[in-house]
Amino acid sequence: MYNLVLYLFLILAADDKLISLKIDPPAATAKAGGRVEFRIKLVIPAGYHINSNRPGDEYLIPTAMRFEKGREFDKVAVSYPEGKRRRYSYSEAPISIYEGEVELVVTAQVGKMARTGKKALKGELVYQPCSEQHCLSPERLALSLPVTVIR
């Protein structure tokens, strides 16, 4: 019984997220008024998938990358790949999902009046992990993409 309680405690205490991220480049440099681009690879473990950014069912949480507004970056755009269509027991029709490794591209326009120095493009990734039988609660993963602004 003690081992079961300890095991459950460790699961509940863990702050690990289901998916991991690989960011390329790990940091960027741009002139004020210039652009930076990050390729963010989502690594989804076998046996799981996440809904695409357009899952095709209004009740499913889409994968979305959101960024904080600020004066350092004028515009931030995210390019999502097309998902794979799959049918699961919990959906009446096929839904659009991501599985395995998926790459999102983040492009940010550095503000013309941005001050030089080290900045961070801050935001979060929101996604809903699912197995073939059911979906888990949505998760949020904080992002901080380092950008050095030069003149």
N, C-alpha and C. Protein backbone atom coordinates (compact mmCIF):
# COMPACT_ATOMS: atom_id res chain seq x y z
N MET A 1 0.82 -1.20 0.00
CA MET A 1 0.00 0.00 0.00
C MET A 1 0.86 1.26 0.00
N TYR A 2 1.95 1.24 0.79
CA TYR A 2 2.85 2.39 0.87
C TYR A 2 3.42 2.71 -0.52
N ASN A 3 3.82 1.68 -1.26
CA ASN A 3 4.39 1.90 -2.60
C ASN A 3 3.37 2.54 -3.53
N LEU A 4 2.11 2.12 -3.44
CA LEU A 4 1.07 2.69 -4.29
C LEU A 4 0.86 4.16 -3.95
N VAL A 5 0.82 4.50 -2.67
CA VAL A 5 0.64 5.89 -2.26
C VAL A 5 1.82 6.73 -2.72
N LEU A 6 3.04 6.23 -2.56
CA LEU A 6 4.23 6.95 -2.99
C LEU A 6 4.22 7.15 -4.50
N TYR A 7 3.83 6.11 -5.24
CA TYR A 7 3.76 6.20 -6.69
C TYR A 7 2.75 7.27 -7.14
N LEU A 8 1.57 7.27 -6.53
CA LEU A 8 0.55 8.28 -6.86
C LEU A 8 1.03 9.68 -6.50
N PHE A 9 1.73 9.81 -5.37
CA PHE A 9 2.26 11.11 -4.98
C PHE A 9 3.26 11.61 -6.02
N LEU A 10 4.13 10.74 -6.47
CA LEU A 10 5.14 11.14 -7.47
C LEU A 10 4.48 11.55 -8.78
N ILE A 11 3.43 10.86 -9.18
CA ILE A 11 2.73 11.23 -10.41
C ILE A 11 2.08 12.60 -10.23
N LEU A 12 1.41 12.83 -9.12
CA LEU A 12 0.73 14.10 -8.90
C LEU A 12 1.72 15.25 -8.70
N ALA A 13 2.89 14.97 -8.13
CA ALA A 13 3.87 16.01 -7.87
C ALA A 13 4.67 16.38 -9.12
N ALA A 14 4.71 15.50 -10.09
CA ALA A 14 5.50 15.76 -11.29
C ALA A 14 4.89 16.91 -12.09
N ASP A 15 5.74 17.78 -12.58
CA ASP A 15 5.27 18.91 -13.37
C ASP A 15 5.59 18.66 -14.85
N ASP A 16 5.87 17.43 -15.20
CA ASP A 16 6.22 17.10 -16.57
C ASP A 16 4.99 17.17 -17.47
N LYS A 17 5.21 17.64 -18.66
CA LYS A 17 4.16 17.68 -19.66
C LYS A 17 4.31 16.45 -20.55
N LEU A 18 3.24 16.11 -21.23
CA LEU A 18 3.25 14.92 -22.06
C LEU A 18 4.16 15.09 -23.27
N ILE A 19 4.14 16.26 -23.89
CA ILE A 19 4.98 16.46 -25.07
C ILE A 19 6.20 17.30 -24.70
N SER A 20 7.23 17.18 -25.53
CA SER A 20 8.42 18.01 -25.34
C SER A 20 8.64 18.84 -26.60
N LEU A 21 9.45 19.88 -26.46
CA LEU A 21 9.72 20.80 -27.56
C LEU A 21 11.19 20.82 -27.91
N LYS A 22 11.48 20.95 -29.21
CA LYS A 22 12.84 21.20 -29.70
C LYS A 22 12.76 22.50 -30.48
N ILE A 23 13.55 23.48 -30.08
CA ILE A 23 13.48 24.81 -30.69
C ILE A 23 14.74 25.07 -31.48
N ASP A 24 14.57 25.49 -32.75
CA ASP A 24 15.69 25.77 -33.63
C ASP A 24 15.46 27.10 -34.34
N PRO A 25 16.34 28.05 -34.23
CA PRO A 25 17.53 28.05 -33.38
C PRO A 25 17.13 28.25 -31.92
N PRO A 26 18.03 27.89 -31.00
CA PRO A 26 17.72 28.09 -29.59
C PRO A 26 17.63 29.57 -29.22
N ALA A 27 18.27 30.45 -30.00
CA ALA A 27 18.20 31.90 -29.81
C ALA A 27 18.39 32.56 -31.17
N ALA A 28 17.86 33.77 -31.33
CA ALA A 28 17.95 34.47 -32.61
C ALA A 28 18.46 35.89 -32.40
N THR A 29 18.98 36.47 -33.48
CA THR A 29 19.44 37.86 -33.48
C THR A 29 18.80 38.56 -34.66
N ALA A 30 18.33 39.79 -34.43
CA ALA A 30 17.71 40.56 -35.51
C ALA A 30 17.89 42.04 -35.25
N LYS A 31 17.86 42.80 -36.32
CA LYS A 31 17.88 44.25 -36.21
C LYS A 31 16.48 44.73 -35.84
N ALA A 32 16.41 45.90 -35.22
CA ALA A 32 15.11 46.51 -34.96
C ALA A 32 14.43 46.69 -36.32
N GLY A 33 13.18 46.29 -36.42
CA GLY A 33 12.45 46.33 -37.69
C GLY A 33 12.62 45.07 -38.52
N GLY A 34 13.49 44.16 -38.09
CA GLY A 34 13.73 42.91 -38.82
C GLY A 34 12.81 41.79 -38.38
N ARG A 35 13.07 40.60 -38.92
CA ARG A 35 12.26 39.42 -38.60
C ARG A 35 13.12 38.34 -37.99
N VAL A 36 12.49 37.52 -37.16
CA VAL A 36 13.12 36.31 -36.64
C VAL A 36 12.18 35.15 -36.89
N GLU A 37 12.77 33.98 -37.02
CA GLU A 37 11.97 32.79 -37.26
C GLU A 37 12.49 31.66 -36.38
N PHE A 38 11.56 30.97 -35.74
CA PHE A 38 11.87 29.81 -34.91
C PHE A 38 11.09 28.62 -35.44
N ARG A 39 11.75 27.48 -35.51
CA ARG A 39 11.08 26.22 -35.85
C ARG A 39 10.94 25.45 -34.55
N ILE A 40 9.69 25.15 -34.20
CA ILE A 40 9.42 24.48 -32.94
C ILE A 40 8.86 23.09 -33.24
N LYS A 41 9.65 22.10 -32.88
CA LYS A 41 9.23 20.71 -33.12
C LYS A 41 8.55 20.19 -31.86
N LEU A 42 7.30 19.73 -32.03
CA LEU A 42 6.55 19.10 -30.94
C LEU A 42 6.83 17.60 -31.02
N VAL A 43 7.29 17.02 -29.93
CA VAL A 43 7.58 15.59 -29.88
C VAL A 43 6.50 14.93 -29.03
N ILE A 44 5.68 14.14 -29.69
CA ILE A 44 4.51 13.51 -29.05
C ILE A 44 4.81 12.02 -28.88
N PRO A 45 4.74 11.50 -27.66
CA PRO A 45 5.09 10.10 -27.43
C PRO A 45 4.15 9.12 -28.13
N ALA A 46 4.68 7.95 -28.45
CA ALA A 46 3.89 6.89 -29.08
C ALA A 46 2.68 6.56 -28.21
N GLY A 47 1.57 6.28 -28.86
CA GLY A 47 0.34 5.95 -28.14
C GLY A 47 -0.52 7.17 -27.85
N TYR A 48 0.00 8.36 -28.16
CA TYR A 48 -0.74 9.60 -27.93
C TYR A 48 -0.76 10.44 -29.20
N HIS A 49 -1.70 11.33 -29.25
CA HIS A 49 -1.76 12.34 -30.30
C HIS A 49 -2.30 13.61 -29.66
N ILE A 50 -2.18 14.72 -30.37
CA ILE A 50 -2.81 15.96 -29.92
C ILE A 50 -3.68 16.44 -31.07
N ASN A 51 -4.72 17.17 -30.74
CA ASN A 51 -5.57 17.72 -31.79
C ASN A 51 -4.76 18.71 -32.61
N SER A 52 -5.03 18.79 -33.90
CA SER A 52 -4.36 19.78 -34.73
C SER A 52 -4.90 21.16 -34.38
N ASN A 53 -4.42 22.19 -35.07
CA ASN A 53 -4.94 23.53 -34.81
C ASN A 53 -6.35 23.70 -35.35
N ARG A 54 -6.79 22.76 -36.18
CA ARG A 54 -8.18 22.73 -36.69
C ARG A 54 -8.68 21.29 -36.63
N PRO A 55 -9.06 20.82 -35.43
CA PRO A 55 -9.42 19.41 -35.28
C PRO A 55 -10.68 18.97 -36.01
N GLY A 56 -11.57 19.92 -36.33
CA GLY A 56 -12.77 19.56 -37.07
C GLY A 56 -13.95 19.18 -36.19
N ASP A 57 -13.83 19.34 -34.89
CA ASP A 57 -14.92 19.07 -33.96
C ASP A 57 -14.92 20.21 -32.94
N GLU A 58 -16.03 20.91 -32.82
CA GLU A 58 -16.08 22.09 -31.96
C GLU A 58 -15.83 21.78 -30.49
N TYR A 59 -15.95 20.52 -30.07
CA TYR A 59 -15.76 20.17 -28.67
C TYR A 59 -14.31 19.83 -28.33
N LEU A 60 -13.47 19.72 -29.34
CA LEU A 60 -12.06 19.39 -29.10
C LEU A 60 -11.24 20.67 -29.02
N ILE A 61 -10.24 20.65 -28.15
CA ILE A 61 -9.37 21.82 -27.96
C ILE A 61 -8.27 21.79 -29.03
N PRO A 62 -8.19 22.83 -29.86
CA PRO A 62 -7.16 22.86 -30.90
C PRO A 62 -5.78 23.19 -30.31
N THR A 63 -4.74 22.71 -30.97
CA THR A 63 -3.38 23.11 -30.61
C THR A 63 -3.22 24.57 -31.02
N ALA A 64 -2.72 25.38 -30.11
CA ALA A 64 -2.56 26.81 -30.40
C ALA A 64 -1.34 27.36 -29.69
N MET A 65 -0.61 28.20 -30.39
CA MET A 65 0.51 28.90 -29.81
C MET A 65 0.10 30.37 -29.70
N ARG A 66 0.17 30.91 -28.49
CA ARG A 66 -0.23 32.30 -28.24
C ARG A 66 0.95 33.06 -27.65
N PHE A 67 1.08 34.32 -28.06
CA PHE A 67 2.20 35.13 -27.58
C PHE A 67 1.71 36.40 -26.91
N GLU A 68 2.47 36.86 -25.91
CA GLU A 68 2.14 38.09 -25.20
C GLU A 68 2.32 39.29 -26.11
N LYS A 69 1.47 40.25 -25.94
CA LYS A 69 1.61 41.51 -26.66
C LYS A 69 2.69 42.34 -25.97
N GLY A 70 3.43 43.08 -26.75
CA GLY A 70 4.48 43.93 -26.18
C GLY A 70 5.03 44.85 -27.24
N ARG A 71 5.81 45.81 -26.79
CA ARG A 71 6.34 46.78 -27.76
C ARG A 71 7.56 46.27 -28.50
N GLU A 72 8.15 45.20 -28.04
CA GLU A 72 9.36 44.69 -28.69
C GLU A 72 9.07 43.98 -30.01
N PHE A 73 7.87 43.39 -30.12
CA PHE A 73 7.52 42.62 -31.32
C PHE A 73 6.19 43.14 -31.86
N ASP A 74 6.21 43.58 -33.13
CA ASP A 74 5.00 44.13 -33.75
C ASP A 74 3.98 43.05 -34.09
N LYS A 75 4.44 42.01 -34.75
CA LYS A 75 3.54 40.93 -35.18
C LYS A 75 4.21 39.58 -34.93
N VAL A 76 3.39 38.62 -34.57
CA VAL A 76 3.87 37.25 -34.43
C VAL A 76 2.88 36.36 -35.17
N ALA A 77 3.41 35.53 -36.06
CA ALA A 77 2.56 34.61 -36.82
C ALA A 77 3.04 33.18 -36.59
N VAL A 78 2.10 32.26 -36.53
CA VAL A 78 2.43 30.85 -36.36
C VAL A 78 1.90 30.09 -37.56
N SER A 79 2.75 29.29 -38.16
CA SER A 79 2.37 28.45 -39.29
C SER A 79 2.24 27.01 -38.78
N TYR A 80 1.04 26.46 -38.93
CA TYR A 80 0.76 25.10 -38.47
C TYR A 80 0.72 24.14 -39.65
N PRO A 81 1.24 22.93 -39.49
CA PRO A 81 1.11 21.95 -40.57
C PRO A 81 -0.31 21.39 -40.63
N GLU A 82 -0.63 20.78 -41.73
CA GLU A 82 -1.93 20.12 -41.84
C GLU A 82 -1.88 18.85 -40.99
N GLY A 83 -2.97 18.56 -40.33
CA GLY A 83 -3.03 17.37 -39.48
C GLY A 83 -3.38 16.12 -40.29
N LYS A 84 -3.26 14.98 -39.63
CA LYS A 84 -3.66 13.70 -40.23
C LYS A 84 -5.10 13.42 -39.80
N ARG A 85 -5.90 12.89 -40.71
CA ARG A 85 -7.31 12.57 -40.40
C ARG A 85 -7.37 11.16 -39.82
N ARG A 86 -7.96 11.05 -38.63
CA ARG A 86 -8.12 9.76 -37.96
C ARG A 86 -9.50 9.69 -37.32
N ARG A 87 -9.99 8.48 -37.17
CA ARG A 87 -11.27 8.25 -36.49
C ARG A 87 -10.98 7.52 -35.18
N TYR A 88 -11.64 8.00 -34.11
CA TYR A 88 -11.47 7.40 -32.78
C TYR A 88 -12.84 7.08 -32.20
N SER A 89 -12.85 6.24 -31.17
CA SER A 89 -14.11 5.82 -30.56
C SER A 89 -14.89 6.99 -29.95
N TYR A 90 -14.21 8.05 -29.57
CA TYR A 90 -14.89 9.18 -28.93
C TYR A 90 -15.34 10.26 -29.93
N SER A 91 -15.13 10.03 -31.22
CA SER A 91 -15.56 11.03 -32.21
C SER A 91 -16.42 10.36 -33.28
N GLU A 92 -17.49 11.04 -33.68
CA GLU A 92 -18.38 10.48 -34.69
C GLU A 92 -17.77 10.48 -36.08
N ALA A 93 -16.97 11.49 -36.36
CA ALA A 93 -16.34 11.63 -37.68
C ALA A 93 -14.83 11.69 -37.50
N PRO A 94 -14.07 11.49 -38.57
CA PRO A 94 -12.61 11.63 -38.45
C PRO A 94 -12.25 13.04 -37.97
N ILE A 95 -11.20 13.11 -37.17
CA ILE A 95 -10.71 14.40 -36.68
C ILE A 95 -9.28 14.61 -37.17
N SER A 96 -8.83 15.83 -37.10
CA SER A 96 -7.48 16.18 -37.55
C SER A 96 -6.55 16.22 -36.34
N ILE A 97 -5.46 15.44 -36.41
CA ILE A 97 -4.55 15.30 -35.26
C ILE A 97 -3.09 15.46 -35.69
N TYR A 98 -2.24 15.63 -34.68
CA TYR A 98 -0.79 15.57 -34.86
C TYR A 98 -0.30 14.39 -34.03
N GLU A 99 0.66 13.65 -34.58
CA GLU A 99 1.27 12.55 -33.85
C GLU A 99 2.74 12.47 -34.22
N GLY A 100 3.53 11.81 -33.37
CA GLY A 100 4.96 11.70 -33.64
C GLY A 100 5.65 13.04 -33.44
N GLU A 101 6.30 13.52 -34.51
CA GLU A 101 6.95 14.83 -34.45
C GLU A 101 6.31 15.77 -35.46
N VAL A 102 6.00 16.97 -35.03
CA VAL A 102 5.33 17.97 -35.86
C VAL A 102 6.06 19.30 -35.69
N GLU A 103 6.26 20.01 -36.79
CA GLU A 103 6.97 21.28 -36.71
C GLU A 103 6.07 22.48 -36.96
N LEU A 104 6.09 23.42 -36.02
CA LEU A 104 5.39 24.70 -36.17
C LEU A 104 6.45 25.76 -36.45
N VAL A 105 6.11 26.76 -37.22
CA VAL A 105 7.05 27.84 -37.52
C VAL A 105 6.49 29.14 -36.96
N VAL A 106 7.30 29.80 -36.13
CA VAL A 106 6.92 31.07 -35.52
C VAL A 106 7.77 32.16 -36.17
N THR A 107 7.10 33.17 -36.73
CA THR A 107 7.78 34.31 -37.33
C THR A 107 7.36 35.56 -36.57
N ALA A 108 8.35 36.33 -36.13
CA ALA A 108 8.07 37.54 -35.37
C ALA A 108 8.73 38.74 -36.04
N GLN A 109 7.99 39.82 -36.09
CA GLN A 109 8.50 41.09 -36.61
C GLN A 109 8.97 41.90 -35.40
N VAL A 110 10.28 42.19 -35.37
CA VAL A 110 10.82 43.00 -34.28
C VAL A 110 10.39 44.45 -34.51
N GLY A 111 9.94 45.11 -33.47
CA GLY A 111 9.49 46.50 -33.59
C GLY A 111 10.59 47.43 -34.04
N LYS A 112 10.26 48.40 -34.86
CA LYS A 112 11.25 49.36 -35.36
C LYS A 112 11.85 50.18 -34.22
N MET A 113 11.09 50.35 -33.16
CA MET A 113 11.56 51.14 -32.02
C MET A 113 12.05 50.24 -30.87
N ALA A 114 12.22 48.98 -31.13
CA ALA A 114 12.69 48.07 -30.08
C ALA A 114 14.08 48.47 -29.62
N ARG A 115 14.29 48.43 -28.33
CA ARG A 115 15.61 48.74 -27.77
C ARG A 115 16.55 47.57 -28.01
N THR A 116 17.83 47.91 -28.16
CA THR A 116 18.82 46.85 -28.36
C THR A 116 19.00 46.06 -27.07
N GLY A 117 19.45 44.83 -27.23
CA GLY A 117 19.71 43.98 -26.08
C GLY A 117 18.94 42.67 -26.16
N LYS A 118 19.04 41.92 -25.08
CA LYS A 118 18.39 40.61 -25.02
C LYS A 118 16.92 40.77 -24.65
N LYS A 119 16.08 40.16 -25.45
CA LYS A 119 14.62 40.18 -25.25
C LYS A 119 14.12 38.74 -25.25
N ALA A 120 12.86 38.59 -24.92
CA ALA A 120 12.24 37.26 -24.98
C ALA A 120 10.85 37.39 -25.59
N LEU A 121 10.60 36.56 -26.56
CA LEU A 121 9.27 36.44 -27.15
C LEU A 121 8.55 35.40 -26.29
N LYS A 122 7.63 35.86 -25.44
CA LYS A 122 7.01 34.98 -24.44
C LYS A 122 5.60 34.60 -24.85
N GLY A 123 5.27 33.35 -24.57
CA GLY A 123 3.94 32.87 -24.88
C GLY A 123 3.71 31.50 -24.29
N GLU A 124 2.75 30.80 -24.89
CA GLU A 124 2.44 29.45 -24.41
C GLU A 124 1.89 28.61 -25.55
N LEU A 125 2.09 27.32 -25.39
CA LEU A 125 1.51 26.34 -26.29
C LEU A 125 0.39 25.66 -25.53
N VAL A 126 -0.80 25.65 -26.12
CA VAL A 126 -1.96 24.98 -25.52
C VAL A 126 -2.29 23.79 -26.41
N TYR A 127 -2.48 22.62 -25.81
CA TYR A 127 -2.80 21.42 -26.58
C TYR A 127 -3.59 20.45 -25.70
N GLN A 128 -4.28 19.52 -26.37
CA GLN A 128 -5.05 18.51 -25.64
C GLN A 128 -4.54 17.14 -26.05
N PRO A 129 -3.83 16.46 -25.14
CA PRO A 129 -3.34 15.12 -25.47
C PRO A 129 -4.45 14.07 -25.38
N CYS A 130 -4.40 13.11 -26.29
CA CYS A 130 -5.40 12.04 -26.32
C CYS A 130 -4.73 10.71 -26.63
N SER A 131 -5.38 9.65 -26.19
CA SER A 131 -5.00 8.30 -26.61
C SER A 131 -6.09 7.85 -27.58
N GLU A 132 -6.07 6.60 -27.96
CA GLU A 132 -7.11 6.11 -28.87
C GLU A 132 -8.47 5.97 -28.17
N GLN A 133 -8.46 5.90 -26.83
CA GLN A 133 -9.70 5.71 -26.09
C GLN A 133 -10.32 6.99 -25.54
N HIS A 134 -9.48 7.94 -25.12
CA HIS A 134 -10.01 9.14 -24.48
C HIS A 134 -9.01 10.29 -24.54
N CYS A 135 -9.53 11.48 -24.24
CA CYS A 135 -8.69 12.67 -24.20
C CYS A 135 -8.42 13.07 -22.76
N LEU A 136 -7.24 13.59 -22.52
CA LEU A 136 -6.85 14.09 -21.21
C LEU A 136 -7.18 15.57 -21.12
N SER A 137 -6.98 16.14 -19.97
CA SER A 137 -7.21 17.57 -19.79
C SER A 137 -6.21 18.36 -20.64
N PRO A 138 -6.62 19.52 -21.14
CA PRO A 138 -5.69 20.35 -21.91
C PRO A 138 -4.48 20.73 -21.06
N GLU A 139 -3.35 20.89 -21.72
CA GLU A 139 -2.11 21.29 -21.05
C GLU A 139 -1.60 22.59 -21.64
N ARG A 140 -0.84 23.32 -20.84
CA ARG A 140 -0.21 24.58 -21.28
C ARG A 140 1.29 24.46 -21.03
N LEU A 141 2.05 24.85 -22.02
CA LEU A 141 3.50 24.81 -21.90
C LEU A 141 4.03 26.22 -22.16
N ALA A 142 4.70 26.81 -21.18
CA ALA A 142 5.23 28.17 -21.33
C ALA A 142 6.39 28.19 -22.31
N LEU A 143 6.46 29.26 -23.10
CA LEU A 143 7.54 29.45 -24.08
C LEU A 143 8.24 30.76 -23.81
N SER A 144 9.55 30.77 -23.98
CA SER A 144 10.34 31.99 -23.93
C SER A 144 11.42 31.85 -24.99
N LEU A 145 11.22 32.53 -26.12
CA LEU A 145 12.14 32.43 -27.24
C LEU A 145 13.10 33.62 -27.20
N PRO A 146 14.41 33.39 -26.92
CA PRO A 146 15.36 34.49 -26.78
C PRO A 146 15.69 35.17 -28.11
N VAL A 147 15.63 36.50 -28.10
CA VAL A 147 15.97 37.30 -29.28
C VAL A 147 16.88 38.44 -28.83
N THR A 148 18.02 38.56 -29.49
CA THR A 148 18.91 39.70 -29.24
C THR A 148 18.65 40.73 -30.34
N VAL A 149 18.27 41.93 -29.94
CA VAL A 149 18.00 43.01 -30.89
C VAL A 149 19.27 43.85 -31.04
N ILE A 150 19.66 44.05 -32.31
CA ILE A 150 20.85 44.86 -32.62
C ILE A 150 20.45 46.02 -33.51
N ARG A 151 21.34 47.00 -33.68
CA ARG A 151 21.09 48.15 -34.58
C ARG A 151 21.79 47.94 -35.89
